[in-house]
Amino acid sequence: MVKPMTHMERGLAALADEPVDRLCNYPLAMGVNRRLLPGSPTYREWANDPKLFAASFIEGQKYFDFDFAIGLMDLSVMAADLGAHVRMDAENTPFVDGHIIHGPEDYEKLAEKGVPDIHKGRCGVLLEGTKLFAEKLKGEVITAGFIEGPLLALSQTASAERMFMDMFESPSAVHKALELTSEMDSQLITEFAKCGVNGLCWDYLWASYSCLGDDQYEEFEGQYALKLNKQVQDEGMAVCIHSCADLPHLDYQINTYKPAIFSMGYYPLIPGSKSPTEIIDEGYTKNTLFAGVIDPQLFVRGSVEKITGVTKDLCQEVKTALCKNNQKSRWVISSNCEVPPDLETKLDNISAVVNTAKEYGAF
């Protein structure tokens, strides 16, 4: 039996597959944490104020007792600063409702504009807020910034349907714009490194066989991501990936990108979607700490009893698979994707996952 560990000790041990007192936990609770702040600021207020953004992660850590803190805002940050119109309701996750790319020539126009000032706009809010919470939680938990992959950022300016069609009909134009979003990511990496985070978490939204085959994925994302991931490591941060895809390019992302952490989804009704047991049995956790796979909708629609049972079963499945494969700790009890930041999300369900992981994730 391992003596009780701090969050930082447990996280570092799990990254190295060393013995831990219990499995790490981190339901991906980000925007929902704003409800813990005085006055319960709206999502719009939270997403536009770096102090509120940071305070929510700090308060969430204090209230729920997580093992990690990853600074996700939403997936329209870069697109907003590139000129796309973002609809930002008071309490809903912002989304692009006005694209700036409507044909092949618009990719070239975007590239010609160059990278906007990332210290301003929504990128500026994200960077400043990340710096504030990373400073406050330094040494307590493993912290990470959150960044959109270049293909994801481009799709938000064009719409996925438009971009996928143009990838086949006008690939050179798409690549010109990808060089621009990659340069923007590169500048963001440099600034995230100054924030003091331990890692940088990428969202490669389209890294799924439901969207792209191997050749297309490598051409339109892999070649750019490889250079950017090396920059992350050169800047002293760990490479992390969040994938809520049903059929992710696991072999490529794990074996080529070599992330320290991979956050995944599991969809049992979709043939080929891998369960935690399959992920561990097939060797993906040999060098990477995996996280998942509780259904995010359970935090809204499930009861405490239901989500407690699901978490308990996940802990047992993961511990059994790890032990069978002579591994000690490479799994984080987490959700498939972000805990919905809705007002309907039940905070007690987040606490239930954490407390159940503490009890049934113990070795």
Protein backbone atom coordinates (compact mmCIF):
# COMPACT_ATOMS: atom_id res chain seq x y z
CA MET A 1 0.00 0.00 0.00
CA VAL A 2 1.29 3.45 -0.96
CA LYS A 3 1.14 6.19 1.64
CA PRO A 4 -1.20 9.14 0.93
CA MET A 5 0.15 11.41 -1.79
CA THR A 6 -0.31 15.04 -2.72
CA HIS A 7 -1.98 15.94 -6.02
CA MET A 8 1.38 16.77 -7.56
CA GLU A 9 3.05 13.60 -6.29
CA ARG A 10 0.18 11.47 -7.59
CA GLY A 11 0.11 13.15 -10.99
CA LEU A 12 3.85 12.84 -11.52
CA ALA A 13 3.81 9.20 -10.43
CA ALA A 14 0.95 8.42 -12.83
CA LEU A 15 2.84 10.04 -15.70
CA ALA A 16 5.77 7.74 -14.95
CA ASP A 17 3.58 4.67 -14.28
CA GLU A 18 4.86 4.45 -10.73
CA PRO A 19 2.83 3.20 -7.75
CA VAL A 20 0.13 5.59 -6.53
CA ASP A 21 -2.16 5.64 -3.52
CA ARG A 22 -5.15 5.85 -5.88
CA LEU A 23 -6.00 6.60 -9.48
CA CYS A 24 -5.88 10.27 -10.44
CA ASN A 25 -9.17 12.04 -11.03
CA TYR A 26 -10.10 15.00 -13.17
CA PRO A 27 -13.64 15.28 -14.48
CA LEU A 28 -13.12 17.88 -17.19
CA ALA A 29 -14.88 20.64 -15.26
CA MET A 30 -13.87 24.00 -16.71
CA GLY A 31 -16.52 26.60 -17.52
CA VAL A 32 -18.92 25.11 -14.99
CA ASN A 33 -16.58 26.19 -12.19
CA ARG A 34 -17.67 29.80 -12.69
CA ARG A 35 -20.82 28.92 -10.74
CA LEU A 36 -18.66 28.63 -7.62
CA LEU A 37 -17.60 32.28 -7.80
CA PRO A 38 -19.34 35.07 -5.88
CA GLY A 39 -22.35 36.27 -7.84
CA SER A 40 -22.12 33.25 -10.18
CA PRO A 41 -20.91 35.20 -13.25
CA THR A 42 -22.42 34.36 -16.62
CA TYR A 43 -20.49 32.37 -19.20
CA ARG A 44 -20.11 35.52 -21.29
CA GLU A 45 -18.59 37.40 -18.35
CA TRP A 46 -16.31 34.47 -17.51
CA ALA A 47 -15.05 34.06 -21.09
CA ASN A 48 -14.17 37.74 -21.42
CA ASP A 49 -12.49 38.42 -18.08
CA PRO A 50 -9.10 36.78 -17.38
CA LYS A 51 -9.48 37.29 -13.64
CA LEU A 52 -12.84 35.48 -13.58
CA PHE A 53 -11.45 32.78 -15.87
CA ALA A 54 -8.53 32.17 -13.52
CA ALA A 55 -10.56 32.44 -10.34
CA SER A 56 -12.93 29.72 -11.51
CA PHE A 57 -10.11 27.17 -11.89
CA ILE A 58 -8.68 28.14 -8.52
CA GLU A 59 -12.08 27.88 -6.82
CA GLY A 60 -12.88 24.65 -8.65
CA GLN A 61 -9.68 23.10 -7.37
CA LYS A 62 -10.46 24.20 -3.83
CA TYR A 63 -14.07 22.98 -3.95
CA PHE A 64 -13.78 19.69 -5.88
CA ASP A 65 -10.17 18.64 -5.08
CA PHE A 66 -9.02 17.68 -8.59
CA ASP A 67 -5.62 16.25 -9.52
CA PHE A 68 -5.13 18.47 -12.62
CA ALA A 69 -6.15 21.87 -13.95
CA ILE A 70 -6.46 22.36 -17.73
CA GLY A 71 -7.45 25.82 -18.95
CA LEU A 72 -10.07 25.12 -21.60
CA MET A 73 -12.29 28.06 -22.56
CA ASP A 74 -14.00 26.97 -25.80
CA LEU A 75 -13.15 26.19 -29.42
CA SER A 76 -13.90 29.57 -31.00
CA VAL A 77 -11.08 31.58 -29.43
CA MET A 78 -8.68 31.64 -32.38
CA ALA A 79 -11.44 32.02 -34.96
CA ALA A 80 -12.79 35.07 -33.15
CA ASP A 81 -9.41 36.78 -33.30
CA LEU A 82 -9.01 35.81 -36.97
CA GLY A 83 -12.18 37.71 -37.77
CA ALA A 84 -15.02 35.19 -37.60
CA HIS A 85 -18.16 36.31 -35.81
CA VAL A 86 -18.81 34.43 -32.60
CA ARG A 87 -22.23 34.23 -31.03
CA MET A 88 -21.80 34.60 -27.30
CA ASP A 89 -25.00 34.14 -25.35
CA ALA A 90 -25.05 34.89 -21.64
CA GLU A 91 -24.98 31.27 -20.50
CA ASN A 92 -24.16 29.12 -23.54
CA THR A 93 -20.80 28.02 -24.90
CA PRO A 94 -19.81 30.51 -27.64
CA PHE A 95 -19.86 29.29 -31.23
CA VAL A 96 -19.03 30.71 -34.65
CA ASP A 97 -22.10 31.90 -36.54
CA GLY A 98 -20.36 34.06 -39.13
CA HIS A 99 -17.60 32.40 -41.16
CA ILE A 100 -15.02 34.38 -43.10
CA ILE A 101 -14.14 31.74 -45.69
CA HIS A 102 -16.68 31.10 -48.42
CA GLY A 103 -14.45 30.00 -51.30
CA PRO A 104 -10.83 29.04 -52.17
CA GLU A 105 -9.72 32.67 -52.60
CA ASP A 106 -10.65 33.44 -48.99
CA TYR A 107 -7.98 31.07 -47.64
CA GLU A 108 -5.36 33.15 -49.43
CA LYS A 109 -6.90 36.38 -48.16
CA LEU A 110 -6.73 35.01 -44.61
CA ALA A 111 -3.07 34.06 -45.06
CA GLU A 112 -2.25 37.51 -46.44
CA LYS A 113 -3.73 39.23 -43.37
CA GLY A 114 -1.14 37.58 -41.16
CA VAL A 115 -1.40 36.58 -37.50
CA PRO A 116 -3.45 38.96 -35.35
CA ASP A 117 -2.01 40.30 -32.10
CA ILE A 118 -2.45 37.32 -29.78
CA HIS A 119 -2.10 39.56 -26.72
CA LYS A 120 -5.41 41.17 -27.55
CA GLY A 121 -8.91 39.78 -28.09
CA ARG A 122 -9.94 36.39 -26.79
CA CYS A 123 -6.44 34.92 -27.09
CA GLY A 124 -5.25 37.64 -24.75
CA VAL A 125 -7.94 36.75 -22.22
CA LEU A 126 -7.00 33.07 -22.43
CA LEU A 127 -3.28 33.72 -21.99
CA GLU A 128 -3.63 36.14 -19.11
CA GLY A 129 -6.19 33.95 -17.33
CA THR A 130 -4.01 30.86 -17.75
CA LYS A 131 -1.02 32.69 -16.30
CA LEU A 132 -3.04 33.75 -13.26
CA PHE A 133 -4.33 30.30 -12.36
CA ALA A 134 -1.01 28.59 -13.14
CA GLU A 135 0.77 30.93 -10.71
CA LYS A 136 -1.80 30.30 -7.98
CA LEU A 137 -1.88 26.50 -8.38
CA LYS A 138 1.87 26.09 -8.95
CA GLY A 139 3.18 23.07 -7.08
CA GLU A 140 -0.31 21.98 -6.03
CA VAL A 141 -1.53 20.30 -9.21
CA ILE A 142 -0.27 19.70 -12.73
CA THR A 143 -1.49 22.61 -14.85
CA ALA A 144 -1.88 22.93 -18.61
CA GLY A 145 -2.91 25.57 -21.08
CA PHE A 146 -5.39 24.65 -23.79
CA ILE A 147 -4.83 25.29 -27.49
CA GLU A 148 -6.71 24.57 -30.73
CA GLY A 149 -4.91 22.61 -33.42
CA PRO A 150 -4.32 24.47 -36.71
CA LEU A 151 -6.90 22.41 -38.63
CA LEU A 152 -9.53 22.95 -35.95
CA ALA A 153 -8.89 26.69 -35.87
CA LEU A 154 -9.20 26.87 -39.66
CA SER A 155 -12.42 24.88 -39.69
CA GLN A 156 -13.94 27.37 -37.29
CA THR A 157 -13.33 30.17 -39.77
CA ALA A 158 -14.68 28.23 -42.75
CA SER A 159 -17.14 25.63 -41.37
CA ALA A 160 -16.12 21.98 -41.39
CA GLU A 161 -18.18 21.17 -44.48
CA ARG A 162 -16.61 23.96 -46.52
CA MET A 163 -13.09 23.10 -45.40
CA PHE A 164 -13.36 19.36 -46.03
CA MET A 165 -14.65 20.01 -49.55
CA ASP A 166 -11.86 22.50 -50.26
CA MET A 167 -9.22 20.10 -48.94
CA PHE A 168 -9.96 17.92 -51.97
CA GLU A 169 -10.79 20.60 -54.54
CA SER A 170 -8.31 23.38 -53.59
CA PRO A 171 -5.67 21.82 -51.30
CA SER A 172 -2.98 24.44 -52.00
CA ALA A 173 -5.26 27.24 -50.83
CA VAL A 174 -6.12 25.34 -47.66
CA HIS A 175 -2.43 24.77 -46.95
CA LYS A 176 -1.71 28.49 -47.22
CA ALA A 177 -4.27 29.16 -44.51
CA LEU A 178 -2.95 26.25 -42.41
CA GLU A 179 0.48 27.85 -42.48
CA LEU A 180 -1.16 30.96 -41.00
CA THR A 181 -3.04 29.10 -38.23
CA SER A 182 0.12 27.09 -37.49
CA GLU A 183 2.12 30.31 -37.10
CA MET A 184 -0.58 31.63 -34.79
CA ASP A 185 -0.32 28.41 -32.74
CA SER A 186 3.45 28.79 -32.67
CA GLN A 187 3.16 32.28 -31.22
CA LEU A 188 0.64 31.03 -28.68
CA ILE A 189 3.01 28.25 -27.61
CA THR A 190 5.72 30.81 -26.90
CA GLU A 191 3.33 32.84 -24.74
CA PHE A 192 1.86 29.81 -22.93
CA ALA A 193 5.42 28.85 -21.94
CA LYS A 194 5.67 32.20 -20.16
CA CYS A 195 2.49 31.42 -18.20
CA GLY A 196 4.22 28.80 -16.09
CA VAL A 197 2.00 25.84 -17.02
CA ASN A 198 3.42 22.33 -16.86
CA GLY A 199 1.88 21.25 -20.15
CA LEU A 200 -0.07 22.36 -23.19
CA CYS A 201 -3.20 20.45 -24.19
CA TRP A 202 -4.09 20.29 -27.90
CA ASP A 203 -7.54 19.76 -29.36
CA TYR A 204 -7.19 18.01 -32.71
CA LEU A 205 -10.94 17.81 -33.30
CA TRP A 206 -10.78 16.24 -36.75
CA ALA A 207 -8.22 13.54 -35.88
CA SER A 208 -10.84 10.83 -36.36
CA TYR A 209 -11.45 8.13 -38.94
CA SER A 210 -15.02 9.42 -39.04
CA CYS A 211 -13.58 12.51 -40.72
CA LEU A 212 -10.20 11.81 -42.35
CA GLY A 213 -8.20 8.83 -43.52
CA ASP A 214 -4.54 8.33 -42.63
CA ASP A 215 -3.09 10.12 -45.67
CA GLN A 216 -5.44 13.08 -45.39
CA TYR A 217 -4.84 13.44 -41.67
CA GLU A 218 -1.08 13.39 -42.02
CA GLU A 219 -1.17 15.91 -44.89
CA PHE A 220 -3.56 18.43 -43.40
CA GLU A 221 -2.65 18.18 -39.70
CA GLY A 222 0.13 15.75 -38.91
CA GLN A 223 2.93 17.61 -40.69
CA TYR A 224 2.03 20.85 -38.90
CA ALA A 225 1.37 19.27 -35.52
CA LEU A 226 4.74 17.51 -35.43
CA LYS A 227 6.62 20.80 -35.64
CA LEU A 228 4.33 22.47 -33.11
CA ASN A 229 4.59 19.61 -30.62
CA LYS A 230 8.38 19.76 -30.83
CA GLN A 231 8.17 23.46 -30.04
CA VAL A 232 6.01 22.70 -27.00
CA GLN A 233 8.64 20.29 -25.70
CA ASP A 234 11.49 22.67 -26.54
CA GLU A 235 9.70 25.31 -24.46
CA GLY A 236 9.74 22.94 -21.47
CA MET A 237 6.07 21.90 -21.49
CA ALA A 238 4.56 18.43 -21.75
CA VAL A 239 2.49 17.65 -24.85
CA CYS A 240 -1.08 16.71 -23.96
CA ILE A 241 -4.00 15.87 -26.25
CA HIS A 242 -7.73 15.96 -25.69
CA SER A 243 -9.76 13.90 -28.16
CA CYS A 244 -13.51 13.46 -27.88
CA ALA A 245 -13.53 11.70 -31.28
CA ASP A 246 -15.30 8.37 -31.66
CA LEU A 247 -12.54 6.76 -33.76
CA PRO A 248 -9.35 8.77 -33.16
CA HIS A 249 -6.13 8.25 -35.08
CA LEU A 250 -4.68 6.63 -31.99
CA ASP A 251 -1.67 4.96 -33.58
CA TYR A 252 -0.54 8.18 -35.23
CA GLN A 253 -1.25 10.45 -32.28
CA ILE A 254 0.29 8.16 -29.67
CA ASN A 255 3.23 6.74 -31.61
CA THR A 256 4.13 9.84 -33.62
CA TYR A 257 3.19 12.74 -31.35
CA LYS A 258 4.21 10.82 -28.19
CA PRO A 259 2.01 12.83 -25.80
CA ALA A 260 2.47 12.66 -22.05
CA ILE A 261 -1.31 12.66 -21.55
CA PHE A 262 -4.15 11.63 -23.87
CA SER A 263 -7.75 12.41 -22.92
CA MET A 264 -10.21 10.21 -24.80
CA GLY A 265 -13.83 9.36 -25.40
CA TYR A 266 -15.46 5.94 -25.61
CA TYR A 267 -18.63 5.25 -27.59
CA PRO A 268 -19.72 1.64 -27.01
CA LEU A 269 -22.42 1.75 -29.70
CA ILE A 270 -19.88 2.66 -32.41
CA PRO A 271 -17.95 -0.36 -33.80
CA GLY A 272 -14.24 0.15 -33.32
CA SER A 273 -14.46 2.64 -30.44
CA LYS A 274 -11.96 1.37 -27.89
CA SER A 275 -12.83 0.75 -24.26
CA PRO A 276 -10.37 1.49 -21.43
CA THR A 277 -9.58 -2.23 -21.20
CA GLU A 278 -8.75 -2.36 -24.92
CA ILE A 279 -6.63 0.78 -24.70
CA ILE A 280 -4.57 -0.73 -21.88
CA ASP A 281 -4.42 -4.26 -23.32
CA GLU A 282 -3.25 -2.96 -26.71
CA GLY A 283 -0.32 -1.11 -25.15
CA TYR A 284 -1.33 2.50 -25.66
CA THR A 285 -0.70 3.27 -21.97
CA LYS A 286 2.87 2.00 -22.01
CA ASN A 287 4.23 5.52 -22.46
CA THR A 288 1.15 7.74 -22.19
CA LEU A 289 -1.17 8.59 -19.30
CA PHE A 290 -4.76 8.15 -20.53
CA ALA A 291 -7.86 9.89 -19.19
CA GLY A 292 -11.58 9.14 -19.63
CA VAL A 293 -14.33 7.94 -20.17
CA ILE A 294 -17.48 9.01 -18.28
CA ASP A 295 -20.37 10.30 -20.43
CA PRO A 296 -20.52 14.10 -19.94
CA GLN A 297 -24.32 14.08 -20.14
CA LEU A 298 -24.45 12.12 -16.89
CA PHE A 299 -23.38 15.30 -15.10
CA VAL A 300 -26.59 16.92 -16.34
CA ARG A 301 -29.09 14.08 -16.56
CA GLY A 302 -27.76 11.45 -14.17
CA SER A 303 -28.37 11.04 -10.47
CA VAL A 304 -25.62 10.93 -7.88
CA GLU A 305 -26.32 7.22 -7.49
CA LYS A 306 -26.02 6.60 -11.24
CA ILE A 307 -22.77 8.49 -11.77
CA THR A 308 -21.30 6.96 -8.60
CA GLY A 309 -21.99 3.50 -10.00
CA VAL A 310 -20.48 4.36 -13.38
CA THR A 311 -17.35 5.78 -11.72
CA LYS A 312 -17.01 2.77 -9.45
CA ASP A 313 -17.23 0.40 -12.42
CA LEU A 314 -14.68 2.45 -14.37
CA CYS A 315 -12.22 2.36 -11.47
CA GLN A 316 -12.54 -1.41 -11.23
CA GLU A 317 -12.16 -1.92 -14.99
CA VAL A 318 -9.08 0.27 -15.18
CA LYS A 319 -7.37 -1.23 -12.12
CA THR A 320 -8.01 -4.76 -13.39
CA ALA A 321 -6.59 -3.99 -16.84
CA LEU A 322 -3.57 -2.16 -15.45
CA CYS A 323 -2.73 -5.01 -13.07
CA LYS A 324 -3.17 -7.61 -15.83
CA ASN A 325 -0.65 -5.68 -17.93
CA ASN A 326 1.82 -5.10 -15.07
CA GLN A 327 1.13 -1.39 -15.01
CA LYS A 328 0.65 0.68 -11.90
CA SER A 329 -1.12 3.95 -12.53
CA ARG A 330 -1.51 5.25 -16.10
CA TRP A 331 -5.19 6.22 -16.04
CA VAL A 332 -7.10 9.31 -14.92
CA ILE A 333 -10.77 8.91 -13.96
CA SER A 334 -12.30 11.57 -16.17
CA SER A 335 -15.08 12.37 -18.61
CA ASN A 336 -15.25 11.79 -22.38
CA CYS A 337 -15.32 15.53 -22.95
CA GLU A 338 -15.89 18.73 -20.99
CA VAL A 339 -18.43 18.60 -18.20
CA PRO A 340 -21.22 20.74 -19.71
CA PRO A 341 -20.87 24.32 -18.44
CA ASP A 342 -24.68 24.61 -18.43
CA LEU A 343 -26.67 25.87 -15.49
CA GLU A 344 -28.37 22.46 -15.46
CA THR A 345 -25.16 20.59 -14.66
CA LYS A 346 -25.33 19.11 -11.17
CA LEU A 347 -22.32 20.10 -9.11
CA ASP A 348 -23.01 17.19 -6.77
CA ASN A 349 -22.35 14.82 -9.67
CA ILE A 350 -18.87 16.28 -10.13
CA SER A 351 -18.18 15.78 -6.42
CA ALA A 352 -19.54 12.23 -6.68
CA VAL A 353 -17.02 11.32 -9.38
CA VAL A 354 -14.12 12.75 -7.37
CA ASN A 355 -15.14 11.11 -4.11
CA THR A 356 -15.85 7.76 -5.76
CA ALA A 357 -12.49 7.81 -7.52
CA LYS A 358 -10.80 8.48 -4.19
CA GLU A 359 -12.52 5.47 -2.60
CA TYR A 360 -12.65 2.89 -5.38
CA GLY A 361 -9.55 4.04 -7.23
CA ALA A 362 -7.38 3.24 -4.23
CA PHE A 363 -4.80 0.46 -4.60
